[in-house]
Protein backbone atom coordinates (compact mmCIF):
# COMPACT_ATOMS: atom_id res chain seq x y z
CA MET A 1 -1.19 8.09 10.67
CA HIS A 2 2.38 8.57 9.23
CA ARG A 3 2.16 9.96 5.54
CA LEU A 4 3.88 7.68 3.29
CA THR A 5 6.49 9.05 1.16
CA LYS A 6 5.00 10.54 -2.27
CA PHE A 7 7.00 8.38 -4.17
CA ALA A 8 5.85 5.07 -2.35
CA PHE A 9 2.20 6.07 -2.35
CA ALA A 10 2.16 6.55 -6.12
CA MET A 11 4.50 3.46 -6.40
CA PHE A 12 2.00 1.22 -4.50
CA LEU A 13 -0.98 2.24 -6.71
CA LEU A 14 0.67 2.30 -9.96
CA ALA A 15 2.05 -1.51 -9.13
CA GLY A 16 -1.20 -2.65 -7.56
CA VAL A 17 0.86 -3.82 -4.41
CA ALA A 18 -0.80 -4.77 -1.32
CA ILE A 19 0.96 -2.95 1.66
CA PRO A 20 2.12 -5.26 4.02
CA GLY A 21 1.13 -3.43 7.39
CA SER A 22 -0.67 -0.66 9.28
CA SER A 23 -0.11 2.96 9.64
CA ALA A 24 -1.43 3.67 12.75
CA PRO A 25 0.81 3.88 16.05
CA GLN A 26 1.84 0.34 17.96
CA THR A 27 3.26 -0.53 21.31
CA GLY A 28 7.07 -1.09 21.63
CA HIS A 29 8.91 -3.22 24.11
CA GLN A 30 8.29 -2.63 27.90
CA GLY A 31 5.92 0.43 27.95
CA HIS A 32 5.95 2.12 24.90
CA GLN A 33 2.34 3.87 23.99
CA ALA A 34 -0.03 1.45 22.81
CA GLY A 35 -3.24 2.67 20.82
CA GLY A 36 -2.78 1.01 17.60
CA PRO A 37 -4.92 -1.64 15.44
CA VAL A 38 -2.93 -4.32 16.96
CA PRO A 39 -3.61 -4.20 20.63
CA ARG A 40 -0.69 -4.41 22.99
CA GLU A 41 -1.50 -7.77 24.62
CA ILE A 42 -1.69 -9.50 21.17
CA LEU A 43 1.97 -8.25 20.07
CA GLU A 44 3.54 -8.95 23.70
CA ARG A 45 2.06 -12.15 23.99
CA PRO A 46 4.65 -14.97 24.69
CA VAL A 47 5.52 -17.38 21.79
CA THR A 48 7.14 -20.68 21.83
CA LEU A 49 9.85 -21.79 18.77
CA ARG A 50 8.38 -22.51 15.48
CA THR A 51 8.80 -25.08 12.60
CA GLY A 52 8.42 -24.70 8.61
CA ILE A 53 8.48 -20.75 8.70
CA GLY A 54 12.00 -20.95 7.16
CA THR A 55 15.49 -20.64 8.65
CA LEU A 56 17.49 -17.71 9.35
CA HIS A 57 20.52 -17.00 11.18
CA GLU A 58 22.56 -13.72 12.25
CA LYS A 59 25.07 -14.15 14.94
CA VAL A 60 24.24 -11.27 17.70
CA THR A 61 25.68 -10.58 21.08
CA THR A 62 23.90 -12.52 23.96
CA SER A 63 24.93 -14.79 26.10
CA SER A 64 21.54 -16.93 25.75
CA GLN A 65 21.41 -19.50 23.07
CA GLU A 66 17.25 -19.57 23.52
CA ALA A 67 17.37 -15.39 23.32
CA GLN A 68 19.31 -16.06 19.82
CA ALA A 69 16.73 -18.51 18.81
CA PHE A 70 13.86 -16.09 19.17
CA TYR A 71 15.80 -13.72 17.42
CA ASN A 72 16.57 -15.58 14.26
CA GLN A 73 12.51 -16.65 14.74
CA GLY A 74 11.81 -12.95 14.66
CA LEU A 75 14.14 -12.39 11.65
CA ALA A 76 12.30 -15.03 9.77
CA TYR A 77 8.60 -13.57 10.55
CA VAL A 78 10.03 -10.01 9.24
CA HIS A 79 11.16 -11.18 6.13
CA SER A 80 8.23 -12.86 5.51
CA TYR A 81 5.66 -9.97 6.48
CA VAL A 82 4.49 -12.05 9.26
CA TRP A 83 4.73 -8.63 11.51
CA ILE A 84 2.96 -9.32 14.70
CA GLU A 85 4.81 -13.20 15.08
CA GLY A 86 8.13 -10.95 14.41
CA ILE A 87 7.39 -8.39 16.91
CA ARG A 88 6.66 -11.25 19.35
CA SER A 89 9.80 -13.38 18.71
CA PHE A 90 11.70 -10.40 19.65
CA HIS A 91 9.89 -9.63 22.87
CA GLN A 92 10.66 -13.22 23.50
CA ALA A 93 14.33 -13.05 22.69
CA LEU A 94 14.10 -9.41 24.96
CA ARG A 95 12.88 -11.61 28.00
CA LEU A 96 15.63 -13.97 27.86
CA ASP A 97 17.83 -11.26 27.22
CA PRO A 98 17.15 -7.73 27.91
CA ASN A 99 20.22 -6.39 26.59
CA MET A 100 20.07 -7.43 23.66
CA ALA A 101 20.63 -4.66 21.49
CA MET A 102 19.69 -6.36 18.23
CA ALA A 103 16.21 -7.63 19.12
CA PHE A 104 15.29 -4.00 19.74
CA LEU A 105 16.31 -3.31 16.27
CA GLY A 106 14.70 -6.27 15.09
CA LEU A 107 11.91 -4.56 16.53
CA THR A 108 12.45 -1.46 15.00
CA ASP A 109 12.36 -3.11 11.45
CA ALA A 110 9.08 -5.08 12.24
CA TYR A 111 7.27 -1.38 13.18
CA ILE A 112 8.90 0.13 9.99
CA GLY A 113 6.82 -2.72 8.50
CA LEU A 114 3.70 -2.04 10.40
CA HIS A 115 4.15 1.42 9.02
CA ASP A 116 4.48 2.72 12.67
CA PRO A 117 7.78 5.05 12.49
CA VAL A 118 7.11 6.45 16.15
CA THR A 119 7.23 3.15 17.85
CA ALA A 120 10.19 1.97 15.46
CA ARG A 121 12.25 4.98 16.73
CA ALA A 122 11.28 4.28 20.28
CA ALA A 123 12.87 0.54 19.72
CA PHE A 124 15.52 2.13 17.90
CA GLN A 125 16.31 4.52 20.72
CA ARG A 126 16.87 1.40 23.01
CA ALA A 127 19.26 -0.49 20.57
CA GLN A 128 21.42 2.84 20.36
CA ALA A 129 21.66 3.33 24.19
CA LEU A 130 23.29 -0.76 24.04
CA ALA A 131 25.55 0.23 21.04
CA PRO A 132 28.84 0.35 23.33
CA LYS A 133 28.30 -3.02 24.55
CA VAL A 134 28.01 -4.69 20.95
CA SER A 135 30.02 -5.59 18.33
CA ARG A 136 31.39 -3.34 15.61
CA SER A 137 29.09 -5.32 13.05
CA GLU A 138 26.33 -4.78 15.28
CA GLN A 139 26.88 -0.96 15.52
CA MET A 140 26.98 -0.86 11.78
CA TRP A 141 23.25 -2.33 12.01
CA ILE A 142 22.46 0.40 14.21
CA THR A 143 24.07 3.08 11.85
CA ILE A 144 22.23 1.96 8.92
CA ARG A 145 18.93 1.78 10.97
CA ASP A 146 19.28 5.24 11.69
CA ARG A 147 19.51 6.54 8.42
CA GLU A 148 16.71 4.38 7.42
CA LEU A 149 14.43 6.13 10.03
CA ASP A 150 15.59 9.03 9.08
CA TYR A 151 14.68 9.04 5.87
CA LEU A 152 11.57 7.49 6.63
CA GLU A 153 10.68 10.43 8.78
CA SER A 154 12.00 12.92 6.56
CA ASN A 155 9.08 13.31 4.07
CA GLU A 156 11.15 12.51 0.99
CA ASP A 157 14.53 14.56 2.21
CA PRO A 158 17.06 13.57 -0.81
CA ASP A 159 19.90 14.06 1.61
CA LYS A 160 18.49 11.79 4.13
CA TYR A 161 18.20 9.32 1.28
CA VAL A 162 21.93 9.44 0.03
CA ALA A 163 22.95 9.38 3.74
CA TYR A 164 20.95 6.00 3.89
CA ARG A 165 22.14 4.89 0.98
CA ARG A 166 25.50 5.64 1.79
CA SER A 167 25.35 4.12 5.34
CA ILE A 168 24.78 0.54 3.83
CA SER A 169 27.56 1.17 1.24
CA ASP A 170 30.20 2.00 3.50
CA ALA A 171 29.36 -1.33 5.67
CA LEU A 172 29.49 -2.86 2.53
CA LYS A 173 33.25 -1.96 1.73
CA ALA A 174 33.79 -3.15 5.20
CA ASN A 175 31.83 -6.46 4.97
CA PRO A 176 31.42 -7.39 1.07
CA ASN A 177 30.73 -10.79 1.94
CA ASP A 178 27.89 -10.26 4.25
CA PRO A 179 24.57 -11.32 2.48
CA TRP A 180 22.24 -9.53 4.66
CA LEU A 181 24.16 -5.88 3.50
CA TRP A 182 23.53 -6.99 -0.04
CA ILE A 183 19.78 -7.93 0.81
CA GLN A 184 19.55 -3.94 2.82
CA ARG A 185 20.90 -2.62 -0.38
CA GLY A 186 18.20 -4.11 -2.57
CA LEU A 187 15.55 -2.81 -0.01
CA ALA A 188 17.19 0.56 -0.16
CA ASP A 189 17.00 0.80 -3.94
CA GLU A 190 13.26 0.70 -3.90
CA GLY A 191 13.35 4.59 -2.63
CA SER A 192 10.95 3.54 0.46
CA PRO A 193 11.56 1.71 3.50
CA VAL A 194 7.94 0.76 3.64
CA THR A 195 7.75 -1.38 0.39
CA HIS A 196 10.06 -3.74 1.86
CA GLY A 197 11.13 -5.73 -1.42
CA GLN A 198 8.20 -5.56 -3.05
CA VAL A 199 8.72 -2.83 -5.70
CA GLY A 200 12.21 -3.91 -6.90
CA GLY A 201 13.49 -3.57 -10.73
CA VAL A 202 16.41 -3.97 -12.81
CA ASP A 203 18.79 -2.35 -10.51
CA THR A 204 17.80 -4.95 -7.54
CA ILE A 205 18.71 -7.74 -9.73
CA ALA A 206 22.24 -7.87 -8.79
CA PHE A 207 21.89 -7.20 -4.99
CA TYR A 208 19.48 -10.13 -4.35
CA ARG A 209 21.68 -12.31 -6.62
CA THR A 210 24.96 -11.30 -4.86
CA ALA A 211 23.36 -12.20 -1.48
CA LEU A 212 22.33 -15.81 -2.68
CA ALA A 213 25.84 -16.28 -4.30
CA LEU A 214 27.06 -15.71 -0.77
CA ASP A 215 23.97 -17.62 1.11
CA PRO A 216 22.11 -19.72 -1.37
CA ASN A 217 19.71 -20.90 1.69
CA ASN A 218 18.87 -17.35 2.67
CA PHE A 219 15.07 -17.44 1.86
CA ALA A 220 14.62 -13.85 2.42
CA ALA A 221 16.79 -13.23 -0.69
CA HIS A 222 14.90 -15.71 -2.54
CA HIS A 223 11.77 -14.05 -1.72
CA TYR A 224 12.88 -10.22 -2.49
CA TYR A 225 14.45 -11.49 -5.70
CA ALA A 226 11.01 -13.58 -6.46
CA HIS A 227 9.39 -10.11 -6.06
CA THR A 228 11.92 -8.44 -8.45
CA LEU A 229 11.28 -10.72 -11.38
CA GLU A 230 7.50 -11.03 -11.26
CA ASN A 231 7.81 -6.75 -11.35
CA LEU A 232 9.85 -7.22 -14.63
CA GLY A 233 7.57 -9.92 -16.05
CA ARG A 234 10.10 -12.71 -15.79
CA THR A 235 7.40 -15.16 -14.86
CA LYS A 236 9.13 -18.66 -15.20
CA GLU A 237 11.86 -17.33 -13.24
CA ALA A 238 9.97 -15.72 -10.59
CA LEU A 239 8.05 -19.20 -10.09
CA GLU A 240 11.08 -21.18 -9.87
CA GLU A 241 12.23 -18.80 -6.64
CA THR A 242 8.81 -18.72 -5.21
CA ALA A 243 9.04 -22.61 -5.23
CA ILE A 244 12.02 -22.52 -3.55
CA TYR A 245 10.62 -19.83 -1.06
CA GLU A 246 7.47 -22.42 -0.46
CA ARG A 247 9.72 -25.16 0.06
CA MET A 248 12.22 -23.30 2.45
CA ALA A 249 9.00 -22.17 4.63
CA PRO A 250 6.01 -24.14 3.96
CA ALA A 251 4.12 -22.90 7.14
CA ILE A 252 4.34 -19.27 5.47
CA PRO A 253 1.12 -17.96 4.13
CA HIS A 254 2.39 -15.29 2.35
CA ALA A 255 5.12 -17.74 0.45
CA HIS A 256 2.16 -20.10 -1.07
CA HIS A 257 0.43 -16.85 -1.93
CA MET A 258 3.46 -15.54 -4.07
CA HIS A 259 3.63 -19.21 -5.73
CA GLY A 260 -0.08 -18.40 -6.61
CA HIS A 261 1.26 -15.07 -8.49
CA GLU A 262 3.13 -16.71 -10.79
CA LEU A 263 0.89 -19.65 -11.30
CA MET A 264 -1.80 -17.12 -11.73
CA ARG A 265 0.23 -15.34 -14.41
CA LEU A 266 1.30 -18.16 -16.08
CA GLY A 267 -2.18 -19.28 -16.95
CA ARG A 268 -2.00 -22.36 -14.60
CA THR A 269 -5.08 -20.81 -12.67
CA GLU A 270 -6.29 -24.14 -10.84
CA GLU A 271 -2.93 -24.39 -9.35
CA ALA A 272 -2.85 -21.27 -8.40
CA ILE A 273 -6.30 -21.16 -6.76
CA ALA A 274 -4.96 -24.19 -4.78
CA GLU A 275 -2.13 -22.16 -3.64
CA PHE A 276 -4.20 -19.33 -2.68
CA LEU A 277 -6.67 -21.80 -0.52
CA LYS A 278 -3.70 -23.31 0.85
CA THR A 279 -2.70 -19.96 2.47
CA LYS A 280 -6.27 -19.02 3.35
CA ALA A 281 -6.13 -22.55 5.35
CA LEU A 282 -2.75 -21.62 6.97
CA GLU A 283 -4.01 -18.11 7.99
CA GLU A 284 -7.42 -19.42 9.38
CA GLU A 285 -5.46 -21.99 11.36
CA TYR A 286 -3.11 -19.64 12.89
CA TYR A 287 -5.93 -17.23 13.77
CA ARG A 288 -7.88 -20.09 15.72
CA THR A 289 -4.89 -21.46 17.37
CA GLU A 290 -3.27 -18.23 18.49
CA ASN A 291 -6.73 -16.52 18.68
CA ILE A 292 -5.68 -13.26 16.94
CA PRO A 293 -8.61 -11.87 14.88
CA ALA A 294 -8.19 -11.92 10.91
CA ARG A 295 -8.90 -8.21 10.70
CA TYR A 296 -5.14 -7.67 12.38
CA ASP A 297 -3.40 -9.62 9.69
CA TRP A 298 -2.95 -7.18 6.63
CA HIS A 299 -2.40 -10.27 4.22
CA HIS A 300 -5.90 -11.91 4.77
CA ALA A 301 -8.22 -9.98 2.51
CA HIS A 302 -5.11 -9.67 0.00
CA ASN A 303 -5.10 -13.42 -0.73
CA LEU A 304 -8.94 -13.21 -0.69
CA GLN A 305 -8.92 -10.71 -3.59
CA LEU A 306 -6.29 -12.77 -5.49
CA LEU A 307 -8.39 -15.64 -4.98
CA ALA A 308 -11.69 -14.24 -5.93
CA MET A 309 -9.91 -12.62 -9.33
CA SER A 310 -8.72 -16.29 -10.13
CA TYR A 311 -12.36 -17.50 -9.60
CA GLN A 312 -13.68 -14.41 -11.72
CA SER A 313 -10.69 -15.17 -14.68
CA LEU A 314 -12.26 -18.66 -14.90
CA GLY A 315 -16.24 -17.68 -14.99
CA GLN A 316 -16.61 -19.30 -11.64
CA MET A 317 -18.41 -16.05 -10.35
CA LYS A 318 -20.20 -17.72 -7.33
CA ALA A 319 -16.88 -18.86 -5.74
CA ALA A 320 -15.49 -15.49 -6.85
CA GLU A 321 -18.49 -13.47 -5.10
CA ALA A 322 -18.08 -15.60 -1.75
CA ALA A 323 -14.20 -14.77 -1.64
CA PHE A 324 -14.84 -10.79 -2.48
CA ARG A 325 -17.76 -10.69 -0.09
CA GLU A 326 -15.66 -12.00 2.54
CA ALA A 327 -12.62 -9.66 1.92
CA PHE A 328 -14.96 -6.70 1.76
CA ALA A 329 -16.27 -7.70 5.00
CA VAL A 330 -12.86 -7.47 6.58
CA PRO A 331 -12.57 -3.97 8.72
CA ALA A 332 -9.50 -1.78 7.09
CA TYR A 333 -7.13 -0.07 9.61
CA THR A 334 -4.76 1.60 6.88
CA ASP A 335 -5.81 3.79 3.67
CA PHE A 336 -4.44 1.05 1.44
CA LEU A 337 -6.51 -1.67 2.93
CA GLU A 338 -9.35 0.28 2.86
CA PHE A 339 -8.84 1.52 -1.05
CA ASN A 340 -8.22 -2.01 -1.73
CA ARG A 341 -11.75 -2.97 -0.59
CA LYS A 342 -13.04 -1.34 -4.09
CA ALA A 343 -12.49 -5.05 -5.30
CA TRP A 344 -16.14 -5.77 -4.37
CA PRO A 345 -18.02 -2.77 -5.85
CA GLU A 346 -15.92 -3.57 -9.03
CA PHE A 347 -17.02 -7.38 -9.26
CA LEU A 348 -20.57 -5.87 -8.78
CA LEU A 349 -20.40 -3.26 -11.55
CA ALA A 350 -19.14 -5.94 -14.04
CA ARG A 351 -21.80 -8.62 -13.25
CA GLY A 352 -24.10 -5.47 -13.86
CA ARG A 353 -25.58 -5.21 -10.18
CA TYR A 354 -25.50 -1.52 -10.29
CA GLU A 355 -27.58 -0.83 -7.27
CA GLU A 356 -25.47 -3.08 -5.23
CA ALA A 357 -22.51 -1.72 -6.37
CA LEU A 358 -23.99 1.77 -5.93
CA HIS A 359 -24.33 0.63 -1.91
CA ALA A 360 -20.60 -0.72 -1.85
CA ALA A 361 -19.36 2.20 -3.14
CA GLN A 362 -20.99 4.80 -0.91
CA GLU A 363 -19.47 2.51 2.50
CA LEU A 364 -16.00 3.65 0.91
CA THR A 365 -17.42 7.40 0.27
CA LYS A 366 -17.43 7.36 4.34
CA SER A 367 -13.86 6.05 4.55
CA GLU A 368 -11.74 8.68 6.98
CA TRP A 369 -8.81 8.62 4.06
CA PRO A 370 -9.33 10.78 0.87
CA LEU A 371 -8.03 7.28 -1.46
CA PRO A 372 -10.60 5.13 -0.55
CA ARG A 373 -13.34 7.96 -1.02
CA LEU A 374 -11.87 8.87 -4.44
CA ALA A 375 -12.09 5.17 -5.34
CA GLY A 376 -15.73 5.05 -3.74
CA HIS A 377 -17.08 8.09 -5.43
CA THR A 378 -15.57 7.14 -8.92
CA LEU A 379 -17.26 3.58 -8.48
CA ALA A 380 -20.59 5.09 -7.13
CA GLY A 381 -20.52 7.31 -10.13
CA GLU A 382 -20.02 4.65 -12.70
CA ALA A 383 -22.78 2.50 -10.99
CA LEU A 384 -25.08 5.82 -11.22
CA LEU A 385 -23.99 6.39 -15.00
CA ALA A 386 -24.67 2.43 -15.63
CA SER A 387 -28.21 2.83 -14.31
CA ASP A 388 -28.93 5.97 -16.62
CA ARG A 389 -28.31 8.23 -13.72
CA SER A 390 -26.26 10.80 -15.48
CA ASN A 391 -26.97 13.81 -13.21
CA GLU A 392 -25.78 12.04 -10.31
CA ALA A 393 -22.99 10.39 -11.76
CA GLN A 394 -21.62 13.89 -12.69
CA ASP A 395 -22.03 15.04 -8.68
CA GLU A 396 -20.06 12.00 -8.01
CA LEU A 397 -17.21 12.99 -10.21
CA SER A 398 -16.96 16.55 -8.63
CA LEU A 399 -16.87 14.91 -5.28
CA ALA A 400 -14.33 12.64 -6.52
CA GLU A 401 -12.40 15.77 -7.95
CA GLN A 402 -12.36 17.29 -4.58
CA GLU A 403 -10.79 14.48 -3.26
CA THR A 404 -8.04 14.42 -5.41
CA GLU A 405 -6.93 17.83 -4.07
CA GLN A 406 -6.00 15.92 -0.83
CA LEU A 407 -3.43 13.44 -2.54
CA PRO A 408 -0.29 13.91 -4.28
CA VAL A 409 -0.28 14.75 -7.72
CA ASN A 410 1.72 11.95 -9.10
CA LEU A 411 -0.62 9.35 -7.48
CA VAL A 412 -3.26 11.09 -9.08
CA ALA A 413 -1.42 11.10 -12.36
CA THR A 414 -0.95 7.30 -11.79
CA SER A 415 -4.56 6.20 -11.22
CA PRO A 416 -7.56 5.44 -13.32
CA PHE A 417 -9.69 7.12 -10.61
CA PRO A 418 -11.66 9.49 -11.06
CA SER A 419 -10.80 9.88 -14.99
CA ILE A 420 -12.62 6.67 -15.65
CA LEU A 421 -15.71 8.17 -14.65
CA ARG A 422 -15.06 11.15 -16.57
CA ALA A 423 -14.54 9.23 -19.90
CA GLY A 424 -17.48 7.52 -19.43
CA LEU A 425 -19.60 10.75 -19.45
CA LEU A 426 -18.36 11.64 -22.25
CA LEU A 427 -19.14 8.85 -24.05
CA ARG A 428 -22.60 8.71 -22.61
CA ASP A 429 -22.83 12.72 -24.03
CA LYS A 430 -21.67 11.84 -27.17
CA LYS A 431 -18.21 13.39 -27.31
CA THR A 432 -16.79 10.04 -28.56
CA GLU A 433 -13.08 11.84 -29.71
CA GLN A 434 -12.43 12.87 -25.98
CA GLY A 435 -13.97 10.13 -24.36
CA GLU A 436 -11.68 7.47 -26.55
CA ALA A 437 -8.62 9.92 -26.03
CA LEU A 438 -9.04 9.87 -22.13
CA LEU A 439 -9.75 6.02 -22.38
CA GLN A 440 -6.61 5.17 -24.26
CA ASP A 441 -4.13 7.17 -21.60
CA ILE A 442 -6.29 5.13 -19.11
CA VAL A 443 -5.52 1.86 -20.56
CA LYS A 444 -1.61 2.38 -21.17
CA MET A 445 -1.40 3.06 -17.45
CA ILE A 446 -3.69 -0.05 -16.56
CA LEU A 447 -1.25 -1.96 -19.12
CA ALA A 448 1.86 -0.67 -17.53
CA ARG A 449 1.53 -1.08 -13.92
CA PRO A 450 3.91 -4.17 -12.90
CA GLY A 451 2.98 -6.83 -10.36
CA PRO A 452 0.60 -9.98 -10.58
CA ASP A 453 -2.11 -8.00 -8.86
CA ALA A 454 -2.30 -5.24 -11.26
CA TRP A 455 -1.83 -7.64 -13.87
CA SER A 456 -4.79 -9.66 -12.63
CA ALA A 457 -7.10 -6.58 -12.38
CA ALA A 458 -5.92 -5.23 -15.80
CA ARG A 459 -8.25 -8.34 -17.34
CA PHE A 460 -11.38 -6.95 -15.71
CA GLU A 461 -10.84 -3.34 -15.88
CA LEU A 462 -10.40 -3.52 -19.66
CA GLU A 463 -13.71 -5.55 -19.78
CA GLY A 464 -15.38 -2.89 -17.79
CA ILE A 465 -14.20 -0.25 -20.49
CA ALA A 466 -15.57 -2.50 -23.10
CA LYS A 467 -18.64 -3.07 -21.79
CA SER A 468 -19.16 0.66 -21.16
CA ALA A 469 -18.31 1.35 -24.40
CA ARG A 470 -20.94 -1.18 -25.74
CA GLU A 471 -23.44 0.57 -23.53
CA ALA A 472 -22.37 3.94 -25.15
CA GLY A 473 -22.47 2.38 -28.68
CA ASP A 474 -19.09 2.82 -29.19
CA TRP A 475 -18.29 -0.86 -31.00
CA LYS A 476 -14.87 0.82 -32.20
CA LEU A 477 -13.93 0.86 -28.83
CA SER A 478 -15.19 -2.00 -27.76
CA GLU A 479 -13.23 -3.79 -30.29
CA SER A 480 -9.88 -2.44 -29.33
CA MET A 481 -10.48 -3.08 -25.58
CA ALA A 482 -11.27 -6.58 -26.53
CA GLN A 483 -8.57 -6.74 -28.95
CA ASP A 484 -6.08 -5.21 -25.71
CA MET A 485 -7.66 -7.87 -23.29
CA ILE A 486 -6.38 -10.83 -25.50
CA GLN A 487 -2.89 -9.37 -25.90
CA HIS A 488 -2.67 -8.80 -22.05
CA ASP A 489 -4.03 -12.45 -21.64
CA PRO A 490 -4.59 -14.76 -24.35
CA ARG A 491 -6.59 -17.34 -21.96
CA TYR A 492 -9.21 -15.13 -20.70
CA ALA A 493 -12.50 -15.86 -22.24
CA GLY A 494 -13.93 -12.52 -21.59
CA GLY A 495 -11.45 -10.86 -24.09
CA TYR A 496 -12.74 -13.49 -26.86
CA PHE A 497 -16.68 -12.88 -25.81
CA ALA A 498 -16.13 -9.29 -26.15
CA LEU A 499 -14.42 -9.62 -29.82
CA ALA A 500 -17.28 -11.95 -30.98
CA LEU A 501 -19.97 -9.46 -29.74
CA ALA A 502 -18.21 -6.71 -31.56
CA ALA A 503 -17.69 -9.17 -34.83
CA GLU A 504 -21.29 -9.75 -34.44
CA HIS A 505 -22.58 -6.15 -34.40
CA ALA A 506 -20.26 -5.30 -37.47
CA GLY A 507 -22.09 -8.28 -39.38
CA HIS A 508 -19.11 -10.45 -39.63
CA SER A 509 -20.59 -13.90 -38.64
CA ALA A 510 -17.80 -15.81 -39.53
CA GLN A 511 -15.57 -14.09 -37.05
CA ALA A 512 -17.83 -13.91 -34.53
CA ARG A 513 -18.36 -17.29 -34.58
CA GLU A 514 -14.56 -18.19 -34.08
CA GLN A 515 -14.33 -15.88 -30.93
CA PHE A 516 -17.72 -17.26 -29.52
CA ALA A 517 -15.86 -20.61 -29.79
CA ASN A 518 -12.57 -19.19 -28.38
CA ALA A 519 -14.66 -17.86 -25.21
CA GLU A 520 -16.36 -21.15 -25.00
CA LYS A 521 -13.28 -23.15 -24.87
CA PHE A 522 -11.58 -20.89 -22.22
CA TRP A 523 -15.19 -20.59 -19.84
CA SER A 524 -14.83 -24.61 -20.22
CA LYS A 525 -14.75 -24.74 -16.14
CA ALA A 526 -16.98 -21.71 -15.64
CA ASP A 527 -20.51 -22.07 -14.08
CA LYS A 528 -22.83 -23.69 -16.15
CA ASP A 529 -25.38 -21.21 -15.56
CA LEU A 530 -22.88 -18.10 -16.35
CA PRO A 531 -24.54 -15.92 -18.34
CA GLU A 532 -21.99 -14.98 -21.17
CA LEU A 533 -21.43 -18.80 -21.38
CA ARG A 534 -24.90 -19.27 -22.09
CA ARG A 535 -25.19 -16.56 -24.69
CA VAL A 536 -22.13 -17.97 -26.21
CA GLN A 537 -23.83 -21.45 -26.41
CA GLU A 538 -26.96 -19.78 -27.91
CA ARG A 539 -24.93 -18.21 -30.50
CA LEU A 540 -22.86 -21.17 -31.57
CA SER A 541 -26.00 -23.40 -31.43
CA ALA A 542 -27.92 -21.00 -33.63
CA ARG A 543 -24.95 -21.40 -36.45
CA ARG A 544 -24.96 -24.96 -36.57
């Protein structure tokens, strides 16, 4: 498996980003070695021209208009992270014109998206061999992709990164009106080729806005600009960009999913659920018509998890459970996809189903990768601690700490695992001052993470800390967590419920009633038999 740069590795975990691809070797065009999770037979299947996926055009050297059309289609798919269909489209272009260098370069980009630098390099070499026959502009792109691969393969060599950035800057000096170069400049600013537009920040705004000024109909620029805006917390602007993206590419699941991101962040949760369900329907229709198993699509489980968290935020736990369970059942073929399966045991912990959570967490501990094992041991320890099995929880902490030794230091420093378990054990052992100090650091980390996935998950992470604090008798900490929850998302009923419990424990009946009433209001769409809602209604009835 290709090892991501340490920077990208930590950045993904910090931001709660879903990695768009696989990390195992794939197949290249015309006989490159296969063996990855997506079978060669799927990647090289013939494909037809599609509609609704967005229209992108980049004139390349070819005598075949049909080959040009399939190249454009591959470009559209790549810039929506639909790697399989992008690869199929580039292969189709090469069937029509075996000497299309830019189709090989398109395969290079798609295989980078699949986190497969070996096959990306093999495809690139085919493009490089054709370089003397193509335009100066295409030769420039071949140079850029060469430098990008050099950096990807170099394990964070700063000189390689500078060379990659310089190749784009040199191209921009010669071609300042090329929107694709401005887009590539934005992608390069993220520091890792595999992030592909997902972790842009303040420095990428100008690049994507320049691209849009040059080509307002370039949906790729709208897509990446939306990611940048949401990472900066500029949600209303991001919503506008995702609406444009969705309108330009209505058949692309990720376009609907991204619009759901922003609706969810703005508290329009039911609308967000509708977008995530539309995403799910588009994906399932694609799997059915193309006869492609869902396990080969990185996006499927990710969308299910956002759908589940949206249901959970409304108190619709039955629907949330079904979506979390379905996502957990999808086989994972990379470390990050496996790591993200932690959402199911986390949900079970939140629902007090500790034995089930333990079994689910133990499945993660059997992973071939250290990152999911770290999460698994931590969550297993939390389940054991909640079941009053402190000695076994301590054993899980030791195993989790062993896993951290196999991971980059900066990733461990930005992860709540295994510190959250260590803090829980400190609280249980009445080492309150140490436990609270550690948890406050964890909370700062949780709230600092950008991105919609991290924002949504933070509500439930804070809620879990508040619950653990109550169980350990630390009502002061529980109240603090409740206040953090409300500040983070003032529409989430769980924060008001936790605050009401703290007020009730302190004997502040008027404040407790007020907060129980707030919780009831925000659980208006919840399952009628939600235990927390029933408790709220009982408390309010008793005070009337």
